[in-house]
Every structure is written in C-alpha cells, then in structure tokens.
Protein backbone atom coordinates (compact mmCIF):
# COMPACT_ATOMS: atom_id res chain seq x y z
CA UNK A 1 309.26 117.11 202.81
CA UNK A 2 313.21 117.01 204.10
CA UNK A 3 316.09 118.31 202.16
CA UNK A 4 317.22 114.96 201.41
CA UNK A 5 313.64 113.31 199.14
CA UNK A 6 314.06 117.12 197.66
CA UNK A 7 317.44 116.17 196.40
CA UNK A 8 316.42 113.04 195.18
CA UNK A 9 313.53 114.03 193.44
CA UNK A 10 315.34 116.69 191.64
CA UNK A 11 318.39 114.09 190.54
CA UNK A 12 315.02 111.72 189.24
CA UNK A 13 313.95 114.31 188.03
CA UNK A 14 317.02 115.66 185.96
CA UNK A 15 317.57 112.37 184.48
CA UNK A 16 314.56 111.97 182.79
CA UNK A 17 314.20 115.18 181.61
CA UNK A 18 317.66 114.00 180.35
CA UNK A 19 316.78 111.20 179.24
CA UNK A 20 313.43 112.10 177.11
CA UNK A 21 315.17 114.66 175.85
CA UNK A 22 316.90 112.75 172.89
CA UNK A 23 314.07 110.84 172.33
CA UNK A 24 311.65 113.47 171.71
CA UNK A 25 314.44 115.53 169.71
CA UNK A 26 314.98 112.92 167.44
CA UNK A 27 311.07 112.38 167.09
CA UNK A 28 310.89 115.73 165.95
CA UNK A 29 313.85 115.12 162.85
CA UNK A 30 311.37 113.47 161.41
CA UNK A 31 307.92 115.47 161.09
CA UNK A 32 310.34 118.84 161.39
CA UNK A 33 313.02 120.48 159.91
CA UNK A 34 316.51 121.20 161.74
CA UNK A 35 316.15 124.95 162.49
CA UNK A 36 312.09 124.05 164.07
CA UNK A 37 313.85 121.86 166.30
CA UNK A 38 316.54 123.57 166.72
CA UNK A 39 314.35 126.96 167.51
CA UNK A 40 312.20 124.63 170.19
CA UNK A 41 315.11 123.25 171.91
CA UNK A 42 316.21 126.67 172.78
CA UNK A 43 312.70 127.82 173.41
CA UNK A 44 312.69 124.84 176.34
CA UNK A 45 316.43 126.28 177.52
CA UNK A 46 315.44 129.64 177.95
CA UNK A 47 311.92 128.89 179.85
CA UNK A 48 314.22 126.61 181.87
CA UNK A 49 316.53 129.10 182.76
CA UNK A 50 313.96 131.98 183.39
CA UNK A 51 312.03 129.54 185.74
CA UNK A 52 315.34 128.73 187.67
CA UNK A 53 316.36 132.20 187.43
CA UNK A 54 313.39 133.92 188.77
CA UNK A 55 312.69 131.21 191.83
CA UNK A 56 316.57 132.30 193.12
CA UNK A 57 316.10 135.33 192.77
CA UNK A 58 319.42 135.78 190.53
CA UNK A 59 320.85 137.28 187.36
CA UNK A 60 323.52 136.35 185.34
CA UNK A 61 326.45 139.00 184.51
CA UNK A 62 328.05 138.33 181.61
CA UNK A 63 330.74 140.23 180.40
CA UNK A 64 331.02 142.00 176.59
CA UNK A 65 334.60 140.57 176.48
CA UNK A 66 332.67 136.76 177.30
CA UNK A 67 330.30 137.13 174.50
CA UNK A 68 331.75 135.84 171.45
CA UNK A 69 333.08 133.01 173.36
CA UNK A 70 329.88 132.13 174.82
CA UNK A 71 328.24 132.07 171.44
CA UNK A 72 331.49 129.62 169.71
CA UNK A 73 330.95 127.45 172.71
CA UNK A 74 326.78 127.43 172.54
CA UNK A 75 327.10 126.69 168.56
CA UNK A 76 329.57 123.96 168.76
CA UNK A 77 328.12 122.55 171.34
CA UNK A 78 324.86 122.01 169.91
CA UNK A 79 326.10 121.33 166.28
CA UNK A 80 328.77 118.88 167.25
CA UNK A 81 326.07 116.21 168.82
CA UNK A 82 324.62 116.39 165.28
CA UNK A 83 326.66 116.11 162.90
CA UNK A 84 328.27 113.41 164.78
CA UNK A 85 324.33 111.10 165.21
CA UNK A 86 324.11 112.08 160.90
CA UNK A 87 326.97 110.55 160.16
CA UNK A 88 326.49 106.97 158.71
C-alpha cells in the first residue's frame, strides 16, 4: 500500500473516531454518571497514546515545572465542553 493511501486511510479513520466519540459519550451519560464516563474516556485516550508511542518507539519528556500547566489545561479542555453542552 502506498503512503498516499495510508495517509488517506489514517485521516478517514481519525475523522470517523472524532465523529463517533461524542455520540458514544452522550449515550454513556444516559446510562452512567459523569465520573464513569470521564474515566472511560481517559482510559481510552491512554490506551491510544500508549499504542502510538510504542509503535513509534518515542517517549514523551515532561518537565516537572510544566506539569501544573498541563494539568490545568487538561481539566479545562475536558470540563469546558461538558459545561457548555449541559447549559439550557
């Protein structure tokens, strides 16, 4: 398979996952509470990141001084869309 078709397939696959994820999250909110859905989304993200990093044989280096900013950014990025969708 050429790199062109591999790239097209990767973009289509990512687009499909991007489109399906909110629908599955909405269904999950109807059957479970926020915390279970939140933890499931985190677990799926960690599995995806782990697969990517092991396939590329690369590591992520995070400085201790950057950790508070990363945690703040991740919380805002996760909670902001949820609060926006729960508004009347």
